[in-house]
Amino acid sequence: MNLKQLAAEKAVEYVKDGMHVGLGTGSTAYWAILKIGERVREGLSIQAVATSKASEKLAKEQGIPLIPFDRIQGLDLTIDGADELDRGLHLIKGGGGALLREKIVAFHSKELIIIADESKLVDKLGTFPLPVEMVPFAYEWTMASLERLGAKPMLRTDDENIYVTDNGNYIADCRFGEIDNPNELHQKLLHLPGVVDNGLFIGLATRAVIGHSDGSVSVVEREA
């Protein structure tokens, strides 16, 4: 069992009958969706929402009941991955391109459980480039604004074409170096016209389940 699968299957133990559950996106969340599907087939009764078209498709294939957003007010918990996290449970997300939908779902969840392998746990965020979702209109100017903020932005591409999110937007992958103050950077990015949102998740994760190479799993809890 790989480390992502190990962490994902442990995290799914937090899912209980009757819950409304958010399904994350990406290579780690994939394993959680598979395990949730297995538990549903064994009799677990839940309703779920997905954070991307890919996760929605996988959930349907696994027989996980999906509920429209207008039928519920929020979620009991969401299980998702992260590209980087620190011990304060600040996150960088968006490597899979679904950061905006993931943040909306996370914000409306009582709990956000992050699953990751041990390589994703860092002392300081910033080794992984920070994804910034931006509208296509005048995106070149938005990229220039990101540069003035201290980033080295690179427009994400899909083969030779510009990558387009499920929301019809573009993503700039930005290298800032070590991020000393994630909350301050998050706020500065949100004030740039053209930026829709960014991959810094601050104060949203309640715990992280980490898979280790020795086969163990550890849980990092957010301090109250």
C-alpha atoms as a PDB file:
ATOM      1  CA  MET A   1       0.000   0.000   0.000  1.00  0.00           C
ATOM      2  CA  ASN A   2       1.455   3.394  -0.948  1.00  0.00           C
ATOM      3  CA  LEU A   3       1.667   6.206   1.580  1.00  0.00           C
ATOM      4  CA  LYS A   4      -1.181   8.219   0.050  1.00  0.00           C
ATOM      5  CA  GLN A   5      -3.463   5.195   0.179  1.00  0.00           C
ATOM      6  CA  LEU A   6      -2.389   4.468   3.756  1.00  0.00           C
ATOM      7  CA  ALA A   7      -3.300   7.997   4.904  1.00  0.00           C
ATOM      8  CA  ALA A   8      -6.515   8.090   2.870  1.00  0.00           C
ATOM      9  CA  GLU A   9      -7.882   4.851   4.257  1.00  0.00           C
ATOM     10  CA  LYS A  10      -7.165   5.983   7.824  1.00  0.00           C
ATOM     11  CA  ALA A  11      -8.902   9.325   7.189  1.00  0.00           C
ATOM     12  CA  VAL A  12     -12.025   7.618   5.865  1.00  0.00           C
ATOM     13  CA  GLU A  13     -12.522   6.086   9.326  1.00  0.00           C
ATOM     14  CA  TYR A  14     -13.806   9.528  10.378  1.00  0.00           C
ATOM     15  CA  VAL A  15     -16.745   9.213   7.970  1.00  0.00           C
ATOM     16  CA  LYS A  16     -19.890   8.083   9.787  1.00  0.00           C
ATOM     17  CA  ASP A  17     -23.464   7.172   8.828  1.00  0.00           C
ATOM     18  CA  GLY A  18     -25.698  10.107   7.985  1.00  0.00           C
ATOM     19  CA  MET A  19     -22.903  12.535   7.167  1.00  0.00           C
ATOM     20  CA  HIS A  20     -22.707  15.012   4.310  1.00  0.00           C
ATOM     21  CA  VAL A  21     -19.179  14.603   2.951  1.00  0.00           C
ATOM     22  CA  GLY A  22     -16.985  16.671   0.647  1.00  0.00           C
ATOM     23  CA  LEU A  23     -14.829  14.740  -1.794  1.00  0.00           C
ATOM     24  CA  GLY A  24     -11.496  16.320  -2.649  1.00  0.00           C
ATOM     25  CA  THR A  25      -9.522  16.240  -5.878  1.00  0.00           C
ATOM     26  CA  GLY A  26      -6.148  14.817  -6.825  1.00  0.00           C
ATOM     27  CA  SER A  27      -4.008  11.726  -6.530  1.00  0.00           C
ATOM     28  CA  THR A  28      -4.419  11.422  -2.742  1.00  0.00           C
ATOM     29  CA  ALA A  29      -8.139  12.191  -2.609  1.00  0.00           C
ATOM     30  CA  TYR A  30      -8.553   9.496  -5.282  1.00  0.00           C
ATOM     31  CA  TRP A  31      -7.724   6.832  -2.695  1.00  0.00           C
ATOM     32  CA  ALA A  32     -10.186   8.299  -0.199  1.00  0.00           C
ATOM     33  CA  ILE A  33     -12.984   8.228  -2.773  1.00  0.00           C
ATOM     34  CA  LEU A  34     -12.219   4.583  -3.563  1.00  0.00           C
ATOM     35  CA  LYS A  35     -12.347   3.670   0.146  1.00  0.00           C
ATOM     36  CA  ILE A  36     -15.561   5.647   0.719  1.00  0.00           C
ATOM     37  CA  GLY A  37     -17.084   3.844  -2.255  1.00  0.00           C
ATOM     38  CA  GLU A  38     -16.092   0.516  -0.746  1.00  0.00           C
ATOM     39  CA  ARG A  39     -17.705   1.446   2.565  1.00  0.00           C
ATOM     40  CA  VAL A  40     -20.876   2.645   0.803  1.00  0.00           C
ATOM     41  CA  ARG A  41     -21.162  -0.730  -0.914  1.00  0.00           C
ATOM     42  CA  GLU A  42     -20.794  -2.326   2.515  1.00  0.00           C
ATOM     43  CA  GLY A  43     -23.740  -0.286   3.836  1.00  0.00           C
ATOM     44  CA  LEU A  44     -22.405   3.157   4.834  1.00  0.00           C
ATOM     45  CA  SER A  45     -25.170   5.742   4.348  1.00  0.00           C
ATOM     46  CA  ILE A  46     -23.866   9.186   3.346  1.00  0.00           C
ATOM     47  CA  GLN A  47     -24.442  11.934   0.799  1.00  0.00           C
ATOM     48  CA  ALA A  48     -21.535  13.692  -0.873  1.00  0.00           C
ATOM     49  CA  VAL A  49     -20.504  16.629  -3.021  1.00  0.00           C
ATOM     50  CA  ALA A  50     -17.431  16.683  -5.262  1.00  0.00           C
ATOM     51  CA  THR A  51     -14.845  19.428  -5.783  1.00  0.00           C
ATOM     52  CA  SER A  52     -14.184  18.694  -9.463  1.00  0.00           C
ATOM     53  CA  LYS A  53     -15.664  17.018 -12.489  1.00  0.00           C
ATOM     54  CA  ALA A  54     -13.057  14.262 -12.178  1.00  0.00           C
ATOM     55  CA  SER A  55     -13.972  13.511  -8.559  1.00  0.00           C
ATOM     56  CA  GLU A  56     -17.668  13.629  -9.386  1.00  0.00           C
ATOM     57  CA  LYS A  57     -17.147  11.082 -12.159  1.00  0.00           C
ATOM     58  CA  LEU A  58     -15.137   8.784  -9.879  1.00  0.00           C
ATOM     59  CA  ALA A  59     -17.734   9.072  -7.093  1.00  0.00           C
ATOM     60  CA  LYS A  60     -20.513   8.069  -9.471  1.00  0.00           C
ATOM     61  CA  GLU A  61     -18.459   5.104 -10.675  1.00  0.00           C
ATOM     62  CA  GLN A  62     -17.995   4.047  -7.038  1.00  0.00           C
ATOM     63  CA  GLY A  63     -21.706   4.310  -6.264  1.00  0.00           C
ATOM     64  CA  ILE A  64     -21.348   7.201  -3.809  1.00  0.00           C
ATOM     65  CA  PRO A  65     -24.653   9.138  -3.585  1.00  0.00           C
ATOM     66  CA  LEU A  66     -24.157  12.763  -4.674  1.00  0.00           C
ATOM     67  CA  ILE A  67     -26.430  15.586  -3.527  1.00  0.00           C
ATOM     68  CA  PRO A  68     -26.938  18.989  -5.213  1.00  0.00           C
ATOM     69  CA  PHE A  69     -25.436  21.959  -3.376  1.00  0.00           C
ATOM     70  CA  ASP A  70     -28.827  23.662  -3.143  1.00  0.00           C
ATOM     71  CA  ARG A  71     -30.174  20.745  -1.106  1.00  0.00           C
ATOM     72  CA  ILE A  72     -27.800  21.225   1.849  1.00  0.00           C
ATOM     73  CA  GLN A  73     -26.446  24.127   3.903  1.00  0.00           C
ATOM     74  CA  GLY A  74     -23.003  22.686   4.609  1.00  0.00           C
ATOM     75  CA  LEU A  75     -20.932  19.575   5.208  1.00  0.00           C
ATOM     76  CA  ASP A  76     -19.947  17.505   8.214  1.00  0.00           C
ATOM     77  CA  LEU A  77     -16.477  16.897   6.876  1.00  0.00           C
ATOM     78  CA  THR A  78     -14.371  17.062   3.744  1.00  0.00           C
ATOM     79  CA  ILE A  79     -11.410  14.819   2.953  1.00  0.00           C
ATOM     80  CA  ASP A  80      -8.830  16.274   0.604  1.00  0.00           C
ATOM     81  CA  GLY A  81      -5.117  16.240  -0.151  1.00  0.00           C
ATOM     82  CA  ALA A  82      -2.521  19.015  -0.055  1.00  0.00           C
ATOM     83  CA  ASP A  83       0.602  19.837  -2.013  1.00  0.00           C
ATOM     84  CA  GLU A  84       2.299  21.142   1.136  1.00  0.00           C
ATOM     85  CA  LEU A  85       1.332  21.597   4.770  1.00  0.00           C
ATOM     86  CA  ASP A  86       3.055  22.793   7.905  1.00  0.00           C
ATOM     87  CA  ARG A  87       2.419  21.785  11.516  1.00  0.00           C
ATOM     88  CA  GLY A  88       0.122  24.767  11.960  1.00  0.00           C
ATOM     89  CA  LEU A  89      -2.011  23.196   9.203  1.00  0.00           C
ATOM     90  CA  HIS A  90      -1.475  26.012   6.748  1.00  0.00           C
ATOM     91  CA  LEU A  91      -1.767  24.460   3.296  1.00  0.00           C
ATOM     92  CA  ILE A  92      -0.763  24.942  -0.300  1.00  0.00           C
ATOM     93  CA  LYS A  93      -3.335  23.339  -2.588  1.00  0.00           C
ATOM     94  CA  GLY A  94      -4.206  23.577  -6.256  1.00  0.00           C
ATOM     95  CA  GLY A  95      -1.717  21.289  -7.956  1.00  0.00           C
ATOM     96  CA  GLY A  96      -4.703  19.426  -9.364  1.00  0.00           C
ATOM     97  CA  GLY A  97      -6.320  22.640 -10.604  1.00  0.00           C
ATOM     98  CA  ALA A  98      -9.407  22.592  -8.339  1.00  0.00           C
ATOM     99  CA  LEU A  99      -8.336  25.057  -5.650  1.00  0.00           C
ATOM    100  CA  LEU A 100     -11.352  27.395  -5.915  1.00  0.00           C
ATOM    101  CA  ARG A 101     -13.953  24.643  -5.638  1.00  0.00           C
ATOM    102  CA  GLU A 102     -11.907  22.930  -2.933  1.00  0.00           C
ATOM    103  CA  LYS A 103     -11.774  26.150  -0.896  1.00  0.00           C
ATOM    104  CA  ILE A 104     -15.520  26.770  -1.220  1.00  0.00           C
ATOM    105  CA  VAL A 105     -16.276  23.234  -0.050  1.00  0.00           C
ATOM    106  CA  ALA A 106     -13.687  23.406   2.755  1.00  0.00           C
ATOM    107  CA  PHE A 107     -15.076  26.716   4.029  1.00  0.00           C
ATOM    108  CA  HIS A 108     -18.551  25.205   4.373  1.00  0.00           C
ATOM    109  CA  SER A 109     -17.297  22.062   6.166  1.00  0.00           C
ATOM    110  CA  LYS A 110     -17.306  21.582   9.930  1.00  0.00           C
ATOM    111  CA  GLU A 111     -14.092  19.593   9.504  1.00  0.00           C
ATOM    112  CA  LEU A 112     -11.435  19.522   6.788  1.00  0.00           C
ATOM    113  CA  ILE A 113      -9.263  16.428   7.033  1.00  0.00           C
ATOM    114  CA  ILE A 114      -6.091  16.590   4.962  1.00  0.00           C
ATOM    115  CA  ILE A 115      -4.417  13.406   3.793  1.00  0.00           C
ATOM    116  CA  ALA A 116      -0.789  13.370   2.668  1.00  0.00           C
ATOM    117  CA  ASP A 117       2.395  11.375   2.593  1.00  0.00           C
ATOM    118  CA  GLU A 118       5.264  12.444   4.848  1.00  0.00           C
ATOM    119  CA  SER A 119       7.066  14.338   2.061  1.00  0.00           C
ATOM    120  CA  LYS A 120       4.289  16.972   2.025  1.00  0.00           C
ATOM    121  CA  LEU A 121       4.824  17.982   5.677  1.00  0.00           C
ATOM    122  CA  VAL A 122       7.290  20.900   5.791  1.00  0.00           C
ATOM    123  CA  ASP A 123       8.630  23.418   8.294  1.00  0.00           C
ATOM    124  CA  LYS A 124       7.752  26.334   5.993  1.00  0.00           C
ATOM    125  CA  LEU A 125       5.535  26.512   2.933  1.00  0.00           C
ATOM    126  CA  GLY A 126       6.992  27.582  -0.386  1.00  0.00           C
ATOM    127  CA  THR A 127       8.949  24.761  -1.997  1.00  0.00           C
ATOM    128  CA  PHE A 128       5.845  23.832  -3.975  1.00  0.00           C
ATOM    129  CA  PRO A 129       4.830  26.695  -6.299  1.00  0.00           C
ATOM    130  CA  LEU A 130       1.680  28.464  -5.112  1.00  0.00           C
ATOM    131  CA  PRO A 131      -1.215  28.164  -7.610  1.00  0.00           C
ATOM    132  CA  VAL A 132      -3.125  31.388  -8.218  1.00  0.00           C
ATOM    133  CA  GLU A 133      -6.410  31.174 -10.139  1.00  0.00           C
ATOM    134  CA  MET A 134      -7.116  34.204 -12.321  1.00  0.00           C
ATOM    135  CA  VAL A 135      -9.677  35.275 -14.897  1.00  0.00           C
ATOM    136  CA  PRO A 136      -8.540  35.010 -18.533  1.00  0.00           C
ATOM    137  CA  PHE A 137      -9.279  38.701 -19.232  1.00  0.00           C
ATOM    138  CA  ALA A 138      -5.977  40.664 -19.286  1.00  0.00           C
ATOM    139  CA  TYR A 139      -4.256  37.761 -17.538  1.00  0.00           C
ATOM    140  CA  GLU A 140      -0.920  39.116 -18.743  1.00  0.00           C
ATOM    141  CA  TRP A 141      -1.478  42.165 -16.511  1.00  0.00           C
ATOM    142  CA  THR A 142      -2.406  39.922 -13.594  1.00  0.00           C
ATOM    143  CA  MET A 143       0.818  37.979 -14.123  1.00  0.00           C
ATOM    144  CA  ALA A 144       2.735  41.267 -14.047  1.00  0.00           C
ATOM    145  CA  SER A 145       1.004  42.186 -10.762  1.00  0.00           C
ATOM    146  CA  LEU A 146       2.112  38.859  -9.306  1.00  0.00           C
ATOM    147  CA  GLU A 147       5.683  39.614 -10.327  1.00  0.00           C
ATOM    148  CA  ARG A 148       5.544  42.985  -8.581  1.00  0.00           C
ATOM    149  CA  LEU A 149       4.382  41.157  -5.463  1.00  0.00           C
ATOM    150  CA  GLY A 150       7.620  39.151  -5.540  1.00  0.00           C
ATOM    151  CA  ALA A 151       6.527  36.020  -7.364  1.00  0.00           C
ATOM    152  CA  LYS A 152       8.053  34.195 -10.289  1.00  0.00           C
ATOM    153  CA  PRO A 153       4.761  33.200 -11.980  1.00  0.00           C
ATOM    154  CA  MET A 154       4.443  30.604 -14.718  1.00  0.00           C
ATOM    155  CA  LEU A 155       1.224  30.221 -16.666  1.00  0.00           C
ATOM    156  CA  ARG A 156       0.037  26.615 -16.329  1.00  0.00           C
ATOM    157  CA  THR A 157      -0.305  24.730 -19.601  1.00  0.00           C
ATOM    158  CA  ASP A 158      -1.887  21.445 -20.592  1.00  0.00           C
ATOM    159  CA  ASP A 159       0.418  20.063 -23.270  1.00  0.00           C
ATOM    160  CA  GLU A 160       0.783  23.079 -25.563  1.00  0.00           C
ATOM    161  CA  ASN A 161      -2.471  24.789 -24.578  1.00  0.00           C
ATOM    162  CA  ILE A 162      -3.233  27.051 -21.619  1.00  0.00           C
ATOM    163  CA  TYR A 163      -4.687  25.002 -18.780  1.00  0.00           C
ATOM    164  CA  VAL A 164      -8.328  25.938 -18.076  1.00  0.00           C
ATOM    165  CA  THR A 165      -9.946  25.140 -14.711  1.00  0.00           C
ATOM    166  CA  ASP A 166     -13.436  23.694 -14.310  1.00  0.00           C
ATOM    167  CA  ASN A 167     -14.482  27.313 -13.696  1.00  0.00           C
ATOM    168  CA  GLY A 168     -13.102  28.543 -17.028  1.00  0.00           C
ATOM    169  CA  ASN A 169     -10.123  30.329 -15.445  1.00  0.00           C
ATOM    170  CA  TYR A 170      -6.332  30.200 -15.793  1.00  0.00           C
ATOM    171  CA  ILE A 171      -3.728  29.288 -13.171  1.00  0.00           C
ATOM    172  CA  ALA A 172      -0.366  30.922 -12.530  1.00  0.00           C
ATOM    173  CA  ASP A 173       2.043  28.722 -10.547  1.00  0.00           C
ATOM    174  CA  CYS A 174       4.014  31.203  -8.458  1.00  0.00           C
ATOM    175  CA  ARG A 175       7.359  30.717  -6.770  1.00  0.00           C
ATOM    176  CA  PHE A 176       7.731  33.040  -3.773  1.00  0.00           C
ATOM    177  CA  GLY A 177      10.466  31.114  -1.978  1.00  0.00           C
ATOM    178  CA  GLU A 178       9.838  30.380   1.699  1.00  0.00           C
ATOM    179  CA  ILE A 179       6.543  31.886   2.813  1.00  0.00           C
ATOM    180  CA  ASP A 180       7.158  33.434   6.235  1.00  0.00           C
ATOM    181  CA  ASN A 181       3.628  34.754   6.708  1.00  0.00           C
ATOM    182  CA  PRO A 182       1.056  32.705   4.744  1.00  0.00           C
ATOM    183  CA  ASN A 183      -1.931  34.748   5.945  1.00  0.00           C
ATOM    184  CA  GLU A 184      -0.365  38.070   4.909  1.00  0.00           C
ATOM    185  CA  LEU A 185       0.498  36.747   1.441  1.00  0.00           C
ATOM    186  CA  HIS A 186      -2.991  35.286   1.088  1.00  0.00           C
ATOM    187  CA  GLN A 187      -4.558  38.691   1.770  1.00  0.00           C
ATOM    188  CA  LYS A 188      -2.224  40.519  -0.618  1.00  0.00           C
ATOM    189  CA  LEU A 189      -3.079  38.097  -3.431  1.00  0.00           C
ATOM    190  CA  LEU A 190      -6.808  38.488  -2.889  1.00  0.00           C
ATOM    191  CA  HIS A 191      -6.469  42.257  -3.352  1.00  0.00           C
ATOM    192  CA  LEU A 192      -5.015  41.919  -6.865  1.00  0.00           C
ATOM    193  CA  PRO A 193      -7.647  42.607  -9.561  1.00  0.00           C
ATOM    194  CA  GLY A 194      -7.904  39.568 -11.832  1.00  0.00           C
ATOM    195  CA  VAL A 195      -7.058  37.074  -9.080  1.00  0.00           C
ATOM    196  CA  VAL A 196     -10.028  34.841  -8.237  1.00  0.00           C
ATOM    197  CA  ASP A 197      -8.370  32.972  -5.366  1.00  0.00           C
ATOM    198  CA  ASN A 198      -5.113  31.283  -4.436  1.00  0.00           C
ATOM    199  CA  GLY A 199      -3.935  27.955  -3.089  1.00  0.00           C
ATOM    200  CA  LEU A 200      -3.144  29.119   0.438  1.00  0.00           C
ATOM    201  CA  PHE A 201      -5.668  27.498   2.804  1.00  0.00           C
ATOM    202  CA  ILE A 202      -5.481  29.299   6.144  1.00  0.00           C
ATOM    203  CA  GLY A 203      -7.466  28.212   9.201  1.00  0.00           C
ATOM    204  CA  LEU A 204      -9.527  25.656   7.301  1.00  0.00           C
ATOM    205  CA  ALA A 205      -7.898  22.276   8.046  1.00  0.00           C
ATOM    206  CA  THR A 206      -8.799  20.728  11.395  1.00  0.00           C
ATOM    207  CA  ARG A 207      -6.479  17.714  11.199  1.00  0.00           C
ATOM    208  CA  ALA A 208      -4.019  16.048   8.856  1.00  0.00           C
ATOM    209  CA  VAL A 209      -3.478  12.321   8.471  1.00  0.00           C
ATOM    210  CA  ILE A 210       0.092  11.591   7.374  1.00  0.00           C
ATOM    211  CA  GLY A 211       1.333   8.312   5.911  1.00  0.00           C
ATOM    212  CA  HIS A 212       4.941   7.407   6.742  1.00  0.00           C
ATOM    213  CA  SER A 213       7.436   5.211   4.921  1.00  0.00           C
ATOM    214  CA  ASP A 214       7.651   2.808   7.879  1.00  0.00           C
ATOM    215  CA  GLY A 215       3.968   1.981   7.391  1.00  0.00           C
ATOM    216  CA  SER A 216       2.724   4.097  10.301  1.00  0.00           C
ATOM    217  CA  VAL A 217       0.152   6.879  10.228  1.00  0.00           C
ATOM    218  CA  SER A 218       0.273  10.034  12.355  1.00  0.00           C
ATOM    219  CA  VAL A 219      -2.386  12.661  12.957  1.00  0.00           C
ATOM    220  CA  VAL A 220      -1.631  16.371  13.309  1.00  0.00           C
ATOM    221  CA  GLU A 221      -4.425  18.336  15.004  1.00  0.00           C
ATOM    222  CA  ARG A 222      -4.966  22.079  14.644  1.00  0.00           C
ATOM    223  CA  GLU A 223      -4.426  23.854  17.924  1.00  0.00           C
ATOM    224  CA  ALA A 224      -7.541  25.475  19.369  1.00  0.00           C
END
